[in-house]
Amino acid sequence: MTWFRAIAASLLITIGASTMGCGYLLFPERRGQQGGYIAGGTLVMDCLWLLAGIVPGVVFLIVDFTSGGMYVSGRLAMNHTDGTLAVRLADAKQAKTLELRIVDAKQHVLADKTAFIGPDVHDQAVLLSAGAQPQTEKLYLQIFDADHVAKPALLPIELM
């Protein structure tokens, strides 16, 4: 009877702890991402499951990589041959108007577009085209919130 309790307790602990090692369950907002930076914490947690056994570790790795739970968003990359940049906008609780611009290091505007976000707009993507750019040129994405006079966000763009 004590073996049965030990096996049942270890099974319960394993199932309970499995939710702590899976990006699919911990970060549902990441589901559906196709790439980006790999989340180091999620990768380490999944790899630690390899110590418990090959099967749980491999299952967690497969689930996180295929579902997108392994990837962190926030990287901006532009194709340098045609200069297009796709920006996926997050959903907003309040309606807002955003001005998106691609600028160079001297703040010259290469491309701009206005986007509207709000509770009725979901999964919106904005496509900006700045034309072919040399790979040595440092480019940034500027985001102006038209409703506020705050300093615009300035995010570096990686040329690929």
C-alpha atoms as a PDB file:
ATOM      1  CA  MET A   1       0.000   0.000   0.000  1.00  0.00           C
ATOM      2  CA  THR A   2       2.898   2.420   0.676  1.00  0.00           C
ATOM      3  CA  TRP A   3       4.264   1.845  -2.849  1.00  0.00           C
ATOM      4  CA  PHE A   4       0.891   2.706  -4.278  1.00  0.00           C
ATOM      5  CA  ARG A   5       0.782   5.986  -2.314  1.00  0.00           C
ATOM      6  CA  ALA A   6       4.348   6.853  -3.330  1.00  0.00           C
ATOM      7  CA  ILE A   7       3.587   6.254  -7.011  1.00  0.00           C
ATOM      8  CA  ALA A   8       0.312   8.201  -6.786  1.00  0.00           C
ATOM      9  CA  ALA A   9       2.015  11.124  -4.997  1.00  0.00           C
ATOM     10  CA  SER A  10       4.867  11.276  -7.501  1.00  0.00           C
ATOM     11  CA  LEU A  11       2.402  11.136 -10.399  1.00  0.00           C
ATOM     12  CA  LEU A  12       0.355  13.954  -8.867  1.00  0.00           C
ATOM     13  CA  ILE A  13       3.486  16.082  -8.310  1.00  0.00           C
ATOM     14  CA  THR A  14       4.679  15.405 -11.870  1.00  0.00           C
ATOM     15  CA  ILE A  15       1.344  16.375 -13.407  1.00  0.00           C
ATOM     16  CA  GLY A  16       1.067  19.467 -11.219  1.00  0.00           C
ATOM     17  CA  ALA A  17       4.623  20.577 -11.932  1.00  0.00           C
ATOM     18  CA  SER A  18       4.245  19.977 -15.662  1.00  0.00           C
ATOM     19  CA  THR A  19       2.177  23.140 -15.956  1.00  0.00           C
ATOM     20  CA  MET A  20       5.177  25.129 -14.707  1.00  0.00           C
ATOM     21  CA  GLY A  21       7.429  23.993 -17.519  1.00  0.00           C
ATOM     22  CA  CYS A  22       5.376  24.590 -20.587  1.00  0.00           C
ATOM     23  CA  GLY A  23       5.263  27.921 -22.448  1.00  0.00           C
ATOM     24  CA  TYR A  24       1.985  26.824 -24.032  1.00  0.00           C
ATOM     25  CA  LEU A  25       0.259  26.978 -20.650  1.00  0.00           C
ATOM     26  CA  LEU A  26       2.264  29.800 -19.049  1.00  0.00           C
ATOM     27  CA  PHE A  27       2.122  32.232 -21.972  1.00  0.00           C
ATOM     28  CA  PRO A  28      -1.149  31.768 -23.909  1.00  0.00           C
ATOM     29  CA  GLU A  29      -0.642  35.154 -25.611  1.00  0.00           C
ATOM     30  CA  ARG A  30       2.340  33.687 -27.481  1.00  0.00           C
ATOM     31  CA  ARG A  31       0.348  30.934 -29.195  1.00  0.00           C
ATOM     32  CA  GLY A  32       0.412  31.124 -32.968  1.00  0.00           C
ATOM     33  CA  GLN A  33       3.743  32.921 -33.307  1.00  0.00           C
ATOM     34  CA  GLN A  34       5.831  31.496 -36.122  1.00  0.00           C
ATOM     35  CA  GLY A  35       9.229  32.747 -35.032  1.00  0.00           C
ATOM     36  CA  GLY A  36      11.244  35.373 -33.244  1.00  0.00           C
ATOM     37  CA  TYR A  37      13.535  35.304 -30.273  1.00  0.00           C
ATOM     38  CA  ILE A  38      13.516  32.091 -28.257  1.00  0.00           C
ATOM     39  CA  ALA A  39      12.494  32.639 -24.621  1.00  0.00           C
ATOM     40  CA  GLY A  40      15.441  31.468 -22.552  1.00  0.00           C
ATOM     41  CA  GLY A  41      13.403  30.736 -19.420  1.00  0.00           C
ATOM     42  CA  THR A  42      10.896  28.588 -21.265  1.00  0.00           C
ATOM     43  CA  LEU A  43      13.669  26.703 -23.052  1.00  0.00           C
ATOM     44  CA  VAL A  44      15.470  26.000 -19.753  1.00  0.00           C
ATOM     45  CA  MET A  45      12.249  24.823 -18.078  1.00  0.00           C
ATOM     46  CA  ASP A  46      11.487  22.509 -20.989  1.00  0.00           C
ATOM     47  CA  CYS A  47      15.037  21.141 -21.016  1.00  0.00           C
ATOM     48  CA  LEU A  48      14.899  20.499 -17.268  1.00  0.00           C
ATOM     49  CA  TRP A  49      12.078  18.084 -18.001  1.00  0.00           C
ATOM     50  CA  LEU A  50      14.656  15.987 -19.849  1.00  0.00           C
ATOM     51  CA  LEU A  51      16.059  15.156 -16.395  1.00  0.00           C
ATOM     52  CA  ALA A  52      12.709  13.651 -15.391  1.00  0.00           C
ATOM     53  CA  GLY A  53      12.674  11.610 -18.572  1.00  0.00           C
ATOM     54  CA  ILE A  54      13.217  11.850 -22.283  1.00  0.00           C
ATOM     55  CA  VAL A  55       9.517  11.680 -23.127  1.00  0.00           C
ATOM     56  CA  PRO A  56       8.275  14.617 -20.956  1.00  0.00           C
ATOM     57  CA  GLY A  57      11.168  16.857 -22.040  1.00  0.00           C
ATOM     58  CA  VAL A  58      10.724  16.115 -25.734  1.00  0.00           C
ATOM     59  CA  VAL A  59       6.944  16.536 -25.477  1.00  0.00           C
ATOM     60  CA  PHE A  60       7.306  19.962 -23.835  1.00  0.00           C
ATOM     61  CA  LEU A  61       9.853  21.083 -26.433  1.00  0.00           C
ATOM     62  CA  ILE A  62       7.683  19.922 -29.339  1.00  0.00           C
ATOM     63  CA  VAL A  63       4.536  21.549 -27.915  1.00  0.00           C
ATOM     64  CA  ASP A  64       6.264  24.875 -27.234  1.00  0.00           C
ATOM     65  CA  PHE A  65       8.043  25.117 -30.580  1.00  0.00           C
ATOM     66  CA  THR A  66       5.016  24.111 -32.666  1.00  0.00           C
ATOM     67  CA  SER A  67       2.492  26.249 -30.765  1.00  0.00           C
ATOM     68  CA  GLY A  68       4.711  29.345 -30.645  1.00  0.00           C
ATOM     69  CA  GLY A  69       4.905  29.362 -26.841  1.00  0.00           C
ATOM     70  CA  MET A  70       8.696  29.262 -27.100  1.00  0.00           C
ATOM     71  CA  TYR A  71       9.002  32.547 -29.002  1.00  0.00           C
ATOM     72  CA  VAL A  72       9.077  36.051 -27.565  1.00  0.00           C
ATOM     73  CA  SER A  73       7.669  38.852 -29.673  1.00  0.00           C
ATOM     74  CA  GLY A  74       9.209  42.283 -29.923  1.00  0.00           C
ATOM     75  CA  ARG A  75      11.746  41.963 -32.736  1.00  0.00           C
ATOM     76  CA  LEU A  76      11.357  44.112 -35.822  1.00  0.00           C
ATOM     77  CA  ALA A  77      12.996  42.873 -39.001  1.00  0.00           C
ATOM     78  CA  MET A  78      12.824  44.354 -42.492  1.00  0.00           C
ATOM     79  CA  ASN A  79      13.755  42.788 -45.799  1.00  0.00           C
ATOM     80  CA  HIS A  80      16.545  45.033 -47.125  1.00  0.00           C
ATOM     81  CA  THR A  81      15.925  44.201 -50.791  1.00  0.00           C
ATOM     82  CA  ASP A  82      12.403  45.621 -51.009  1.00  0.00           C
ATOM     83  CA  GLY A  83      12.257  47.576 -47.729  1.00  0.00           C
ATOM     84  CA  THR A  84       8.931  46.266 -46.463  1.00  0.00           C
ATOM     85  CA  LEU A  85       8.173  46.029 -42.769  1.00  0.00           C
ATOM     86  CA  ALA A  86       5.028  44.394 -41.390  1.00  0.00           C
ATOM     87  CA  VAL A  87       4.001  45.543 -37.925  1.00  0.00           C
ATOM     88  CA  ARG A  88       1.398  43.579 -36.006  1.00  0.00           C
ATOM     89  CA  LEU A  89      -0.535  45.865 -33.675  1.00  0.00           C
ATOM     90  CA  ALA A  90      -1.792  44.697 -30.306  1.00  0.00           C
ATOM     91  CA  ASP A  91      -5.469  44.941 -29.452  1.00  0.00           C
ATOM     92  CA  ALA A  92      -6.459  48.013 -27.410  1.00  0.00           C
ATOM     93  CA  LYS A  93      -9.277  48.587 -24.939  1.00  0.00           C
ATOM     94  CA  GLN A  94      -9.784  52.170 -26.109  1.00  0.00           C
ATOM     95  CA  ALA A  95      -9.954  53.505 -29.641  1.00  0.00           C
ATOM     96  CA  LYS A  96      -6.718  55.245 -30.665  1.00  0.00           C
ATOM     97  CA  THR A  97      -5.042  56.606 -33.742  1.00  0.00           C
ATOM     98  CA  LEU A  98      -1.395  55.660 -34.227  1.00  0.00           C
ATOM     99  CA  GLU A  99       1.090  57.167 -36.654  1.00  0.00           C
ATOM    100  CA  LEU A 100       3.761  54.631 -37.661  1.00  0.00           C
ATOM    101  CA  ARG A 101       6.925  55.835 -39.378  1.00  0.00           C
ATOM    102  CA  ILE A 102      10.166  54.316 -40.579  1.00  0.00           C
ATOM    103  CA  VAL A 103      12.934  56.845 -39.952  1.00  0.00           C
ATOM    104  CA  ASP A 104      16.695  56.803 -40.361  1.00  0.00           C
ATOM    105  CA  ALA A 105      19.299  57.860 -37.780  1.00  0.00           C
ATOM    106  CA  LYS A 106      18.869  61.528 -38.797  1.00  0.00           C
ATOM    107  CA  GLN A 107      15.080  61.290 -38.265  1.00  0.00           C
ATOM    108  CA  HIS A 108      14.271  61.517 -41.996  1.00  0.00           C
ATOM    109  CA  VAL A 109      10.901  59.870 -42.629  1.00  0.00           C
ATOM    110  CA  LEU A 110      11.176  57.070 -45.205  1.00  0.00           C
ATOM    111  CA  ALA A 111       7.638  55.705 -44.859  1.00  0.00           C
ATOM    112  CA  ASP A 112       4.583  56.491 -42.775  1.00  0.00           C
ATOM    113  CA  LYS A 113       1.108  55.130 -42.257  1.00  0.00           C
ATOM    114  CA  THR A 114      -1.819  55.857 -39.952  1.00  0.00           C
ATOM    115  CA  ALA A 115      -3.506  53.000 -38.111  1.00  0.00           C
ATOM    116  CA  PHE A 116      -6.617  52.860 -35.973  1.00  0.00           C
ATOM    117  CA  ILE A 117      -6.761  50.462 -33.031  1.00  0.00           C
ATOM    118  CA  GLY A 118      -9.530  49.790 -30.550  1.00  0.00           C
ATOM    119  CA  PRO A 119     -11.899  47.229 -29.073  1.00  0.00           C
ATOM    120  CA  ASP A 120     -13.499  46.488 -32.453  1.00  0.00           C
ATOM    121  CA  VAL A 121     -10.189  46.009 -34.336  1.00  0.00           C
ATOM    122  CA  HIS A 122      -8.365  42.721 -33.805  1.00  0.00           C
ATOM    123  CA  ASP A 123      -5.081  41.289 -35.133  1.00  0.00           C
ATOM    124  CA  GLN A 124      -4.348  44.267 -37.347  1.00  0.00           C
ATOM    125  CA  ALA A 125      -1.117  44.314 -39.340  1.00  0.00           C
ATOM    126  CA  VAL A 126       0.286  47.442 -40.980  1.00  0.00           C
ATOM    127  CA  LEU A 127       2.633  47.160 -43.957  1.00  0.00           C
ATOM    128  CA  LEU A 128       5.199  49.938 -44.408  1.00  0.00           C
ATOM    129  CA  SER A 129       7.418  50.150 -47.461  1.00  0.00           C
ATOM    130  CA  ALA A 130      10.574  52.263 -47.311  1.00  0.00           C
ATOM    131  CA  GLY A 131      12.116  51.012 -50.550  1.00  0.00           C
ATOM    132  CA  ALA A 132      15.423  49.150 -50.848  1.00  0.00           C
ATOM    133  CA  GLN A 133      17.826  50.179 -48.089  1.00  0.00           C
ATOM    134  CA  PRO A 134      21.564  49.608 -47.713  1.00  0.00           C
ATOM    135  CA  GLN A 135      22.349  47.177 -44.919  1.00  0.00           C
ATOM    136  CA  THR A 136      24.651  49.707 -43.248  1.00  0.00           C
ATOM    137  CA  GLU A 137      21.795  52.171 -42.714  1.00  0.00           C
ATOM    138  CA  LYS A 138      20.333  52.142 -39.177  1.00  0.00           C
ATOM    139  CA  LEU A 139      16.535  52.381 -39.300  1.00  0.00           C
ATOM    140  CA  TYR A 140      13.915  52.843 -36.588  1.00  0.00           C
ATOM    141  CA  LEU A 141      10.179  52.448 -36.218  1.00  0.00           C
ATOM    142  CA  GLN A 142       8.591  55.534 -34.651  1.00  0.00           C
ATOM    143  CA  ILE A 143       5.152  55.184 -33.102  1.00  0.00           C
ATOM    144  CA  PHE A 144       3.155  58.325 -32.343  1.00  0.00           C
ATOM    145  CA  ASP A 145      -0.026  58.169 -30.303  1.00  0.00           C
ATOM    146  CA  ALA A 146      -2.140  60.931 -31.872  1.00  0.00           C
ATOM    147  CA  ASP A 147      -4.251  61.310 -28.712  1.00  0.00           C
ATOM    148  CA  HIS A 148      -1.278  62.140 -26.480  1.00  0.00           C
ATOM    149  CA  VAL A 149       1.617  64.533 -26.873  1.00  0.00           C
ATOM    150  CA  ALA A 150       4.082  62.104 -25.269  1.00  0.00           C
ATOM    151  CA  LYS A 151       7.462  61.375 -26.841  1.00  0.00           C
ATOM    152  CA  PRO A 152       7.080  58.742 -29.575  1.00  0.00           C
ATOM    153  CA  ALA A 153       8.393  55.233 -29.116  1.00  0.00           C
ATOM    154  CA  LEU A 154      11.541  54.599 -31.166  1.00  0.00           C
ATOM    155  CA  LEU A 155      12.302  50.934 -31.893  1.00  0.00           C
ATOM    156  CA  PRO A 156      15.368  49.736 -33.841  1.00  0.00           C
ATOM    157  CA  ILE A 157      14.731  47.724 -37.010  1.00  0.00           C
ATOM    158  CA  GLU A 158      16.973  44.822 -37.950  1.00  0.00           C
ATOM    159  CA  LEU A 159      17.746  44.613 -41.683  1.00  0.00           C
ATOM    160  CA  MET A 160      17.737  41.105 -43.110  1.00  0.00           C
END
